[in-house]
Amino acid sequence: MRAGALIGVLLGLGLLSIWVSTWERDPSPRRPGPLDGWWERLRDDLTRVGLATVPPMAVPFVCIGAGLLAALAVFALSGATVIALTLGAIGTFVPYTALRSLAHRRRIQMREVWPEVVDHLSSAIRAGLSLPEALVQVGRTGPEALRPPFVDFARDFQASGDFGSSLTRLKARLADPVGDRLVEALRITRDVGGTDLGVLLRTLSAFLREDARTRAELEARQSWTVNASRLALAAPWIVLALMATRPQAAEAYDSPSGLAVIVTGAIVSLVAYRVMLRIARLPQDERVLR
């Protein structure tokens, strides 16, 4: 009896599975979540600073570890719980801020040398080299800052002989909007042909030089304001860290009223800094051709 019931259940499950598999499904693409853009930017920043092998998930753990170390160090020196937690929370953002700063400097450096890369490609194509040979040539004689990705492209192309997949990996290593546009232009030229690549490269080179010149002038004019705002933001917390070494000050801030003062100052500082960044922010190219 039990064996017959088990066979009946298995048969029913099998028929149900066959019936469900006959329905056509329209797979809809997954909608990007609110954090997807942040993860992509974090991955690009790691790639720009030469940490492409580090997963983005490791950055939050490093930030949490830095915050805990800062809190423990302050608590060991002052014994004040409120000050230790406050400075530990600030220390949590230090690794992420340092990463963003290094990535921004790298992006500025790449922005200045991209016109030279485009000129190298244009000269190589006019000399009769093929597109893969022109890209390999950039890895040999191009700007020092951008040679490593093109050297890796040469190794990929030599190993696989697949120009399309090598271009895709080159685009991932560059992690730059200009690199995305350049790679896709070369891919289209390779796939469908065309005689306008030289004109396109010359136009792109002129545009990049003009954009770099304009951005450098604007950033030079606003740099002193931004740096002064950052100093004004950091100064109170540096003073708080120094005051934490005095037992009387640490005891005064390690109280409900001291907590209220610290929280109010943190909120005001954060809002003012975000407003300053919003006002001073220049439009940036986004990677839309990933």
C-alpha atoms as a PDB file:
ATOM      1  CA  MET A   1       0.000   0.000   0.000  1.00  0.00           C
ATOM      2  CA  ARG A   2       2.711   2.433   0.994  1.00  0.00           C
ATOM      3  CA  ALA A   3       4.812   1.533  -2.073  1.00  0.00           C
ATOM      4  CA  GLY A   4       1.838   2.152  -4.359  1.00  0.00           C
ATOM      5  CA  ALA A   5       1.151   5.542  -2.740  1.00  0.00           C
ATOM      6  CA  LEU A   6       4.822   6.552  -3.103  1.00  0.00           C
ATOM      7  CA  ILE A   7       4.807   5.579  -6.768  1.00  0.00           C
ATOM      8  CA  GLY A   8       1.609   7.558  -7.289  1.00  0.00           C
ATOM      9  CA  VAL A   9       3.091  10.660  -5.642  1.00  0.00           C
ATOM     10  CA  LEU A  10       6.276  10.469  -7.727  1.00  0.00           C
ATOM     11  CA  LEU A  11       4.238   9.975 -10.904  1.00  0.00           C
ATOM     12  CA  GLY A  12       2.103  12.973 -10.056  1.00  0.00           C
ATOM     13  CA  LEU A  13       5.154  15.150  -9.388  1.00  0.00           C
ATOM     14  CA  GLY A  14       6.710  14.051 -12.680  1.00  0.00           C
ATOM     15  CA  LEU A  15       3.548  14.865 -14.648  1.00  0.00           C
ATOM     16  CA  LEU A  16       3.304  18.236 -12.868  1.00  0.00           C
ATOM     17  CA  SER A  17       6.910  19.042 -13.773  1.00  0.00           C
ATOM     18  CA  ILE A  18       6.279  18.157 -17.424  1.00  0.00           C
ATOM     19  CA  TRP A  19       3.153  20.302 -17.480  1.00  0.00           C
ATOM     20  CA  VAL A  20       4.926  23.305 -15.920  1.00  0.00           C
ATOM     21  CA  SER A  21       7.839  22.999 -18.363  1.00  0.00           C
ATOM     22  CA  THR A  22       5.483  23.336 -21.335  1.00  0.00           C
ATOM     23  CA  TRP A  23       4.521  26.895 -20.382  1.00  0.00           C
ATOM     24  CA  GLU A  24       6.456  29.598 -22.195  1.00  0.00           C
ATOM     25  CA  ARG A  25       8.027  32.118 -19.959  1.00  0.00           C
ATOM     26  CA  ASP A  26       8.970  35.621 -20.880  1.00  0.00           C
ATOM     27  CA  PRO A  27      12.114  36.264 -18.871  1.00  0.00           C
ATOM     28  CA  SER A  28      12.185  39.925 -17.967  1.00  0.00           C
ATOM     29  CA  PRO A  29      15.549  41.529 -17.220  1.00  0.00           C
ATOM     30  CA  ARG A  30      16.284  42.156 -13.606  1.00  0.00           C
ATOM     31  CA  ARG A  31      15.720  45.725 -12.630  1.00  0.00           C
ATOM     32  CA  PRO A  32      18.836  47.414 -11.313  1.00  0.00           C
ATOM     33  CA  GLY A  33      18.695  47.883  -7.601  1.00  0.00           C
ATOM     34  CA  PRO A  34      19.512  51.122  -5.776  1.00  0.00           C
ATOM     35  CA  LEU A  35      22.997  49.872  -4.874  1.00  0.00           C
ATOM     36  CA  ASP A  36      23.942  48.467  -8.284  1.00  0.00           C
ATOM     37  CA  GLY A  37      25.265  51.804  -9.525  1.00  0.00           C
ATOM     38  CA  TRP A  38      27.296  52.267  -6.350  1.00  0.00           C
ATOM     39  CA  TRP A  39      28.817  48.783  -6.684  1.00  0.00           C
ATOM     40  CA  GLU A  40      29.730  49.459 -10.320  1.00  0.00           C
ATOM     41  CA  ARG A  41      31.429  52.743  -9.434  1.00  0.00           C
ATOM     42  CA  LEU A  42      33.263  51.031  -6.590  1.00  0.00           C
ATOM     43  CA  ARG A  43      34.479  48.293  -8.945  1.00  0.00           C
ATOM     44  CA  ASP A  44      35.661  50.941 -11.432  1.00  0.00           C
ATOM     45  CA  ASP A  45      37.523  52.809  -8.684  1.00  0.00           C
ATOM     46  CA  LEU A  46      39.314  49.633  -7.619  1.00  0.00           C
ATOM     47  CA  THR A  47      40.287  48.966 -11.228  1.00  0.00           C
ATOM     48  CA  ARG A  48      41.620  52.490 -11.701  1.00  0.00           C
ATOM     49  CA  VAL A  49      43.903  52.310  -8.669  1.00  0.00           C
ATOM     50  CA  GLY A  50      45.298  48.929  -9.707  1.00  0.00           C
ATOM     51  CA  LEU A  51      43.209  46.740  -7.379  1.00  0.00           C
ATOM     52  CA  ALA A  52      41.091  45.028  -9.995  1.00  0.00           C
ATOM     53  CA  THR A  53      41.466  41.644  -8.274  1.00  0.00           C
ATOM     54  CA  VAL A  54      39.985  42.971  -5.018  1.00  0.00           C
ATOM     55  CA  PRO A  55      36.223  42.323  -4.828  1.00  0.00           C
ATOM     56  CA  PRO A  56      34.068  45.388  -4.086  1.00  0.00           C
ATOM     57  CA  MET A  57      32.563  43.533  -1.119  1.00  0.00           C
ATOM     58  CA  ALA A  58      35.938  43.769   0.634  1.00  0.00           C
ATOM     59  CA  VAL A  59      35.778  47.577   0.836  1.00  0.00           C
ATOM     60  CA  PRO A  60      32.939  47.755   3.419  1.00  0.00           C
ATOM     61  CA  PHE A  61      34.732  45.220   5.607  1.00  0.00           C
ATOM     62  CA  VAL A  62      37.957  47.247   5.418  1.00  0.00           C
ATOM     63  CA  CYS A  63      36.009  50.382   6.363  1.00  0.00           C
ATOM     64  CA  ILE A  64      34.375  48.644   9.330  1.00  0.00           C
ATOM     65  CA  GLY A  65      37.750  47.313  10.470  1.00  0.00           C
ATOM     66  CA  ALA A  66      39.316  50.781  10.243  1.00  0.00           C
ATOM     67  CA  GLY A  67      36.453  52.250  12.267  1.00  0.00           C
ATOM     68  CA  LEU A  68      36.809  49.608  14.985  1.00  0.00           C
ATOM     69  CA  LEU A  69      40.561  50.149  15.206  1.00  0.00           C
ATOM     70  CA  ALA A  70      40.096  53.912  15.470  1.00  0.00           C
ATOM     71  CA  ALA A  71      37.447  53.522  18.169  1.00  0.00           C
ATOM     72  CA  LEU A  72      39.596  51.110  20.187  1.00  0.00           C
ATOM     73  CA  ALA A  73      42.642  53.368  19.898  1.00  0.00           C
ATOM     74  CA  VAL A  74      40.738  56.455  21.067  1.00  0.00           C
ATOM     75  CA  PHE A  75      39.072  54.544  23.895  1.00  0.00           C
ATOM     76  CA  ALA A  76      42.440  53.199  25.031  1.00  0.00           C
ATOM     77  CA  LEU A  77      43.873  56.735  25.157  1.00  0.00           C
ATOM     78  CA  SER A  78      40.917  58.632  26.612  1.00  0.00           C
ATOM     79  CA  GLY A  79      38.523  56.122  28.134  1.00  0.00           C
ATOM     80  CA  ALA A  80      35.602  58.181  26.769  1.00  0.00           C
ATOM     81  CA  THR A  81      32.995  55.993  25.099  1.00  0.00           C
ATOM     82  CA  VAL A  82      31.169  58.774  23.230  1.00  0.00           C
ATOM     83  CA  ILE A  83      34.317  60.256  21.734  1.00  0.00           C
ATOM     84  CA  ALA A  84      35.637  56.800  20.814  1.00  0.00           C
ATOM     85  CA  LEU A  85      32.433  55.863  19.008  1.00  0.00           C
ATOM     86  CA  THR A  86      32.287  59.213  17.222  1.00  0.00           C
ATOM     87  CA  LEU A  87      35.855  59.124  15.964  1.00  0.00           C
ATOM     88  CA  GLY A  88      35.443  55.437  15.128  1.00  0.00           C
ATOM     89  CA  ALA A  89      32.431  56.288  12.955  1.00  0.00           C
ATOM     90  CA  ILE A  90      34.501  58.948  11.206  1.00  0.00           C
ATOM     91  CA  GLY A  91      37.367  56.499  10.760  1.00  0.00           C
ATOM     92  CA  THR A  92      34.974  54.119   9.006  1.00  0.00           C
ATOM     93  CA  PHE A  93      34.828  56.471   6.007  1.00  0.00           C
ATOM     94  CA  VAL A  94      38.594  57.019   5.754  1.00  0.00           C
ATOM     95  CA  PRO A  95      39.428  53.983   3.519  1.00  0.00           C
ATOM     96  CA  TYR A  96      36.524  54.681   1.167  1.00  0.00           C
ATOM     97  CA  THR A  97      37.423  58.374   0.957  1.00  0.00           C
ATOM     98  CA  ALA A  98      41.052  57.508   0.253  1.00  0.00           C
ATOM     99  CA  LEU A  99      39.993  55.099  -2.490  1.00  0.00           C
ATOM    100  CA  ARG A 100      37.757  57.702  -4.101  1.00  0.00           C
ATOM    101  CA  SER A 101      40.523  60.288  -3.922  1.00  0.00           C
ATOM    102  CA  LEU A 102      43.083  57.975  -5.551  1.00  0.00           C
ATOM    103  CA  ALA A 103      40.588  57.002  -8.247  1.00  0.00           C
ATOM    104  CA  HIS A 104      39.835  60.679  -8.923  1.00  0.00           C
ATOM    105  CA  ARG A 105      43.530  61.467  -9.308  1.00  0.00           C
ATOM    106  CA  ARG A 106      43.918  58.503 -11.625  1.00  0.00           C
ATOM    107  CA  ARG A 107      40.972  59.689 -13.680  1.00  0.00           C
ATOM    108  CA  ILE A 108      42.494  63.157 -14.013  1.00  0.00           C
ATOM    109  CA  GLN A 109      45.795  61.595 -15.066  1.00  0.00           C
ATOM    110  CA  MET A 110      44.062  59.450 -17.683  1.00  0.00           C
ATOM    111  CA  ARG A 111      42.069  62.425 -18.931  1.00  0.00           C
ATOM    112  CA  GLU A 112      45.302  64.252 -19.681  1.00  0.00           C
ATOM    113  CA  VAL A 113      46.895  61.383 -21.629  1.00  0.00           C
ATOM    114  CA  TRP A 114      43.894  60.090 -23.595  1.00  0.00           C
ATOM    115  CA  PRO A 115      44.483  62.576 -26.472  1.00  0.00           C
ATOM    116  CA  GLU A 116      48.001  61.161 -26.879  1.00  0.00           C
ATOM    117  CA  VAL A 117      46.611  57.624 -27.063  1.00  0.00           C
ATOM    118  CA  VAL A 118      44.133  58.656 -29.740  1.00  0.00           C
ATOM    119  CA  ASP A 119      46.927  60.391 -31.668  1.00  0.00           C
ATOM    120  CA  HIS A 120      49.055  57.221 -31.486  1.00  0.00           C
ATOM    121  CA  LEU A 121      46.180  55.150 -32.837  1.00  0.00           C
ATOM    122  CA  SER A 122      45.489  57.640 -35.608  1.00  0.00           C
ATOM    123  CA  SER A 123      49.155  57.732 -36.645  1.00  0.00           C
ATOM    124  CA  ALA A 124      49.428  53.938 -36.613  1.00  0.00           C
ATOM    125  CA  ILE A 125      46.306  53.521 -38.746  1.00  0.00           C
ATOM    126  CA  ARG A 126      47.512  56.142 -41.229  1.00  0.00           C
ATOM    127  CA  ALA A 127      50.800  54.228 -41.416  1.00  0.00           C
ATOM    128  CA  GLY A 128      48.911  51.146 -42.577  1.00  0.00           C
ATOM    129  CA  LEU A 129      48.830  49.087 -39.383  1.00  0.00           C
ATOM    130  CA  SER A 130      45.797  46.982 -38.579  1.00  0.00           C
ATOM    131  CA  LEU A 131      43.640  47.772 -35.560  1.00  0.00           C
ATOM    132  CA  PRO A 132      45.178  45.048 -33.332  1.00  0.00           C
ATOM    133  CA  GLU A 133      48.680  46.150 -34.314  1.00  0.00           C
ATOM    134  CA  ALA A 134      47.809  49.781 -33.588  1.00  0.00           C
ATOM    135  CA  LEU A 135      46.571  48.885 -30.097  1.00  0.00           C
ATOM    136  CA  VAL A 136      49.651  46.765 -29.437  1.00  0.00           C
ATOM    137  CA  GLN A 137      51.793  49.703 -30.532  1.00  0.00           C
ATOM    138  CA  VAL A 138      50.160  51.910 -27.887  1.00  0.00           C
ATOM    139  CA  GLY A 139      51.364  49.452 -25.246  1.00  0.00           C
ATOM    140  CA  ARG A 140      54.921  49.919 -26.501  1.00  0.00           C
ATOM    141  CA  THR A 141      55.193  53.621 -27.293  1.00  0.00           C
ATOM    142  CA  GLY A 142      52.085  55.177 -25.744  1.00  0.00           C
ATOM    143  CA  PRO A 143      51.875  57.207 -22.534  1.00  0.00           C
ATOM    144  CA  GLU A 144      53.318  55.452 -19.503  1.00  0.00           C
ATOM    145  CA  ALA A 145      50.104  55.803 -17.497  1.00  0.00           C
ATOM    146  CA  LEU A 146      48.077  53.767 -20.000  1.00  0.00           C
ATOM    147  CA  ARG A 147      50.621  51.244 -21.237  1.00  0.00           C
ATOM    148  CA  PRO A 148      49.758  48.341 -18.864  1.00  0.00           C
ATOM    149  CA  PRO A 149      46.178  47.783 -20.136  1.00  0.00           C
ATOM    150  CA  PHE A 150      47.347  47.770 -23.748  1.00  0.00           C
ATOM    151  CA  VAL A 151      50.224  45.435 -22.910  1.00  0.00           C
ATOM    152  CA  ASP A 152      47.669  43.050 -21.402  1.00  0.00           C
ATOM    153  CA  PHE A 153      45.589  43.432 -24.571  1.00  0.00           C
ATOM    154  CA  ALA A 154      48.575  42.380 -26.648  1.00  0.00           C
ATOM    155  CA  ARG A 155      48.993  39.257 -24.505  1.00  0.00           C
ATOM    156  CA  ASP A 156      45.299  38.415 -24.734  1.00  0.00           C
ATOM    157  CA  PHE A 157      45.202  38.848 -28.497  1.00  0.00           C
ATOM    158  CA  GLN A 158      48.394  36.856 -28.970  1.00  0.00           C
ATOM    159  CA  ALA A 159      47.011  34.010 -26.841  1.00  0.00           C
ATOM    160  CA  SER A 160      43.456  33.870 -28.219  1.00  0.00           C
ATOM    161  CA  GLY A 161      43.504  35.653 -31.572  1.00  0.00           C
ATOM    162  CA  ASP A 162      39.961  36.893 -30.800  1.00  0.00           C
ATOM    163  CA  PHE A 163      39.900  40.643 -31.325  1.00  0.00           C
ATOM    164  CA  GLY A 164      36.379  41.110 -29.917  1.00  0.00           C
ATOM    165  CA  SER A 165      36.978  39.376 -26.582  1.00  0.00           C
ATOM    166  CA  SER A 166      40.363  41.070 -26.223  1.00  0.00           C
ATOM    167  CA  LEU A 167      38.676  44.438 -26.724  1.00  0.00           C
ATOM    168  CA  THR A 168      36.092  43.585 -24.082  1.00  0.00           C
ATOM    169  CA  ARG A 169      38.787  42.768 -21.541  1.00  0.00           C
ATOM    170  CA  LEU A 170      40.687  45.927 -22.497  1.00  0.00           C
ATOM    171  CA  LYS A 171      37.563  47.994 -21.832  1.00  0.00           C
ATOM    172  CA  ALA A 172      37.159  46.350 -18.415  1.00  0.00           C
ATOM    173  CA  ARG A 173      40.801  47.094 -17.521  1.00  0.00           C
ATOM    174  CA  LEU A 174      40.542  50.728 -18.598  1.00  0.00           C
ATOM    175  CA  ALA A 175      37.279  51.352 -16.673  1.00  0.00           C
ATOM    176  CA  ASP A 176      36.955  54.770 -18.259  1.00  0.00           C
ATOM    177  CA  PRO A 177      34.179  56.420 -20.329  1.00  0.00           C
ATOM    178  CA  VAL A 178      36.650  57.577 -22.983  1.00  0.00           C
ATOM    179  CA  GLY A 179      38.080  54.080 -23.219  1.00  0.00           C
ATOM    180  CA  ASP A 180      34.556  52.691 -23.637  1.00  0.00           C
ATOM    181  CA  ARG A 181      33.818  54.993 -26.565  1.00  0.00           C
ATOM    182  CA  LEU A 182      37.162  54.335 -28.202  1.00  0.00           C
ATOM    183  CA  VAL A 183      36.879  50.546 -27.844  1.00  0.00           C
ATOM    184  CA  GLU A 184      33.348  50.462 -29.238  1.00  0.00           C
ATOM    185  CA  ALA A 185      34.349  52.670 -32.180  1.00  0.00           C
ATOM    186  CA  LEU A 186      37.196  50.278 -33.001  1.00  0.00           C
ATOM    187  CA  ARG A 187      34.887  47.282 -32.605  1.00  0.00           C
ATOM    188  CA  ILE A 188      32.321  48.719 -35.019  1.00  0.00           C
ATOM    189  CA  THR A 189      35.045  49.608 -37.512  1.00  0.00           C
ATOM    190  CA  ARG A 190      36.425  46.078 -37.291  1.00  0.00           C
ATOM    191  CA  ASP A 191      32.992  44.471 -37.719  1.00  0.00           C
ATOM    192  CA  VAL A 192      31.377  46.589 -40.436  1.00  0.00           C
ATOM    193  CA  GLY A 193      34.343  48.441 -41.914  1.00  0.00           C
ATOM    194  CA  GLY A 194      34.446  52.094 -42.877  1.00  0.00           C
ATOM    195  CA  THR A 195      36.764  54.840 -44.006  1.00  0.00           C
ATOM    196  CA  ASP A 196      35.861  57.471 -41.401  1.00  0.00           C
ATOM    197  CA  LEU A 197      37.911  56.101 -38.523  1.00  0.00           C
ATOM    198  CA  GLY A 198      40.744  58.581 -39.084  1.00  0.00           C
ATOM    199  CA  VAL A 199      38.338  61.530 -39.061  1.00  0.00           C
ATOM    200  CA  LEU A 200      36.635  60.121 -35.965  1.00  0.00           C
ATOM    201  CA  LEU A 201      39.928  59.767 -34.081  1.00  0.00           C
ATOM    202  CA  ARG A 202      41.083  63.270 -34.995  1.00  0.00           C
ATOM    203  CA  THR A 203      37.752  64.741 -33.895  1.00  0.00           C
ATOM    204  CA  LEU A 204      37.848  62.766 -30.651  1.00  0.00           C
ATOM    205  CA  SER A 205      41.405  63.912 -29.944  1.00  0.00           C
ATOM    206  CA  ALA A 206      40.487  67.581 -30.419  1.00  0.00           C
ATOM    207  CA  PHE A 207      37.393  67.196 -28.223  1.00  0.00           C
ATOM    208  CA  LEU A 208      39.350  65.475 -25.436  1.00  0.00           C
ATOM    209  CA  ARG A 209      42.021  68.174 -25.414  1.00  0.00           C
ATOM    210  CA  GLU A 210      39.436  70.939 -25.211  1.00  0.00           C
ATOM    211  CA  ASP A 211      37.517  69.141 -22.461  1.00  0.00           C
ATOM    212  CA  ALA A 212      40.695  68.523 -20.432  1.00  0.00           C
ATOM    213  CA  ARG A 213      41.733  72.162 -20.793  1.00  0.00           C
ATOM    214  CA  THR A 214      38.336  73.454 -19.664  1.00  0.00           C
ATOM    215  CA  ARG A 215      38.066  71.078 -16.720  1.00  0.00           C
ATOM    216  CA  ALA A 216      41.608  71.846 -15.548  1.00  0.00           C
ATOM    217  CA  GLU A 217      40.828  75.556 -15.517  1.00  0.00           C
ATOM    218  CA  LEU A 218      37.568  75.097 -13.611  1.00  0.00           C
ATOM    219  CA  GLU A 219      39.110  72.714 -11.075  1.00  0.00           C
ATOM    220  CA  ALA A 220      42.045  75.082 -10.508  1.00  0.00           C
ATOM    221  CA  ARG A 221      39.655  77.939  -9.752  1.00  0.00           C
ATOM    222  CA  GLN A 222      37.520  75.974  -7.318  1.00  0.00           C
ATOM    223  CA  SER A 223      40.270  73.894  -5.705  1.00  0.00           C
ATOM    224  CA  TRP A 224      41.060  76.430  -2.998  1.00  0.00           C
ATOM    225  CA  THR A 225      37.376  76.648  -2.014  1.00  0.00           C
ATOM    226  CA  VAL A 226      36.973  72.880  -1.881  1.00  0.00           C
ATOM    227  CA  ASN A 227      40.189  72.399   0.097  1.00  0.00           C
ATOM    228  CA  ALA A 228      39.197  75.124   2.557  1.00  0.00           C
ATOM    229  CA  SER A 229      35.820  73.454   3.050  1.00  0.00           C
ATOM    230  CA  ARG A 230      37.461  70.102   3.708  1.00  0.00           C
ATOM    231  CA  LEU A 231      39.831  71.680   6.219  1.00  0.00           C
ATOM    232  CA  ALA A 232      36.883  73.377   7.947  1.00  0.00           C
ATOM    233  CA  LEU A 233      35.129  70.015   8.124  1.00  0.00           C
ATOM    234  CA  ALA A 234      38.112  68.132   9.540  1.00  0.00           C
ATOM    235  CA  ALA A 235      39.336  70.788  11.987  1.00  0.00           C
ATOM    236  CA  PRO A 236      36.683  70.316  14.733  1.00  0.00           C
ATOM    237  CA  TRP A 237      37.186  66.561  14.800  1.00  0.00           C
ATOM    238  CA  ILE A 238      40.951  66.911  14.963  1.00  0.00           C
ATOM    239  CA  VAL A 239      40.495  69.260  17.919  1.00  0.00           C
ATOM    240  CA  LEU A 240      38.104  66.748  19.497  1.00  0.00           C
ATOM    241  CA  ALA A 241      40.679  63.977  19.108  1.00  0.00           C
ATOM    242  CA  LEU A 242      43.327  66.147  20.768  1.00  0.00           C
ATOM    243  CA  MET A 243      40.972  67.124  23.593  1.00  0.00           C
ATOM    244  CA  ALA A 244      40.192  63.451  24.184  1.00  0.00           C
ATOM    245  CA  THR A 245      43.716  63.042  25.569  1.00  0.00           C
ATOM    246  CA  ARG A 246      42.796  65.336  28.502  1.00  0.00           C
ATOM    247  CA  PRO A 247      40.779  63.558  31.218  1.00  0.00           C
ATOM    248  CA  GLN A 248      38.634  66.623  32.033  1.00  0.00           C
ATOM    249  CA  ALA A 249      37.566  67.161  28.415  1.00  0.00           C
ATOM    250  CA  ALA A 250      36.971  63.461  27.859  1.00  0.00           C
ATOM    251  CA  GLU A 251      34.757  63.321  30.952  1.00  0.00           C
ATOM    252  CA  ALA A 252      32.811  66.406  29.822  1.00  0.00           C
ATOM    253  CA  TYR A 253      32.029  64.961  26.404  1.00  0.00           C
ATOM    254  CA  ASP A 254      31.297  61.481  27.779  1.00  0.00           C
ATOM    255  CA  SER A 255      27.833  62.571  28.939  1.00  0.00           C
ATOM    256  CA  PRO A 256      24.337  63.032  27.422  1.00  0.00           C
ATOM    257  CA  SER A 257      24.920  66.737  26.823  1.00  0.00           C
ATOM    258  CA  GLY A 258      28.308  66.023  25.239  1.00  0.00           C
ATOM    259  CA  LEU A 259      26.704  63.390  23.033  1.00  0.00           C
ATOM    260  CA  ALA A 260      24.089  65.919  21.911  1.00  0.00           C
ATOM    261  CA  VAL A 261      26.788  68.452  21.041  1.00  0.00           C
ATOM    262  CA  ILE A 262      28.780  65.881  19.052  1.00  0.00           C
ATOM    263  CA  VAL A 263      25.754  64.545  17.169  1.00  0.00           C
ATOM    264  CA  THR A 264      24.549  68.053  16.321  1.00  0.00           C
ATOM    265  CA  GLY A 265      27.994  69.048  15.098  1.00  0.00           C
ATOM    266  CA  ALA A 266      28.279  65.874  13.002  1.00  0.00           C
ATOM    267  CA  ILE A 267      24.903  66.473  11.336  1.00  0.00           C
ATOM    268  CA  VAL A 268      25.661  70.122  10.589  1.00  0.00           C
ATOM    269  CA  SER A 269      29.134  69.287   9.249  1.00  0.00           C
ATOM    270  CA  LEU A 270      27.854  66.470   7.047  1.00  0.00           C
ATOM    271  CA  VAL A 271      24.992  68.510   5.580  1.00  0.00           C
ATOM    272  CA  ALA A 272      27.239  71.505   4.913  1.00  0.00           C
ATOM    273  CA  TYR A 273      29.893  69.336   3.270  1.00  0.00           C
ATOM    274  CA  ARG A 274      27.379  67.561   1.040  1.00  0.00           C
ATOM    275  CA  VAL A 275      25.898  70.894  -0.019  1.00  0.00           C
ATOM    276  CA  MET A 276      29.374  72.195  -0.822  1.00  0.00           C
ATOM    277  CA  LEU A 277      30.153  69.126  -2.927  1.00  0.00           C
ATOM    278  CA  ARG A 278      26.813  69.422  -4.699  1.00  0.00           C
ATOM    279  CA  ILE A 279      27.445  73.044  -5.601  1.00  0.00           C
ATOM    280  CA  ALA A 280      31.064  72.512  -6.674  1.00  0.00           C
ATOM    281  CA  ARG A 281      30.496  69.258  -8.558  1.00  0.00           C
ATOM    282  CA  LEU A 282      31.332  69.287 -12.243  1.00  0.00           C
ATOM    283  CA  PRO A 283      29.451  67.047 -14.672  1.00  0.00           C
ATOM    284  CA  GLN A 284      31.294  63.764 -15.153  1.00  0.00           C
ATOM    285  CA  ASP A 285      31.167  61.260 -17.987  1.00  0.00           C
ATOM    286  CA  GLU A 286      29.327  58.097 -17.049  1.00  0.00           C
ATOM    287  CA  ARG A 287      30.130  54.640 -18.364  1.00  0.00           C
ATOM    288  CA  VAL A 288      27.134  53.846 -20.543  1.00  0.00           C
ATOM    289  CA  LEU A 289      28.964  51.449 -22.896  1.00  0.00           C
ATOM    290  CA  ARG A 290      30.087  48.839 -20.371  1.00  0.00           C
END
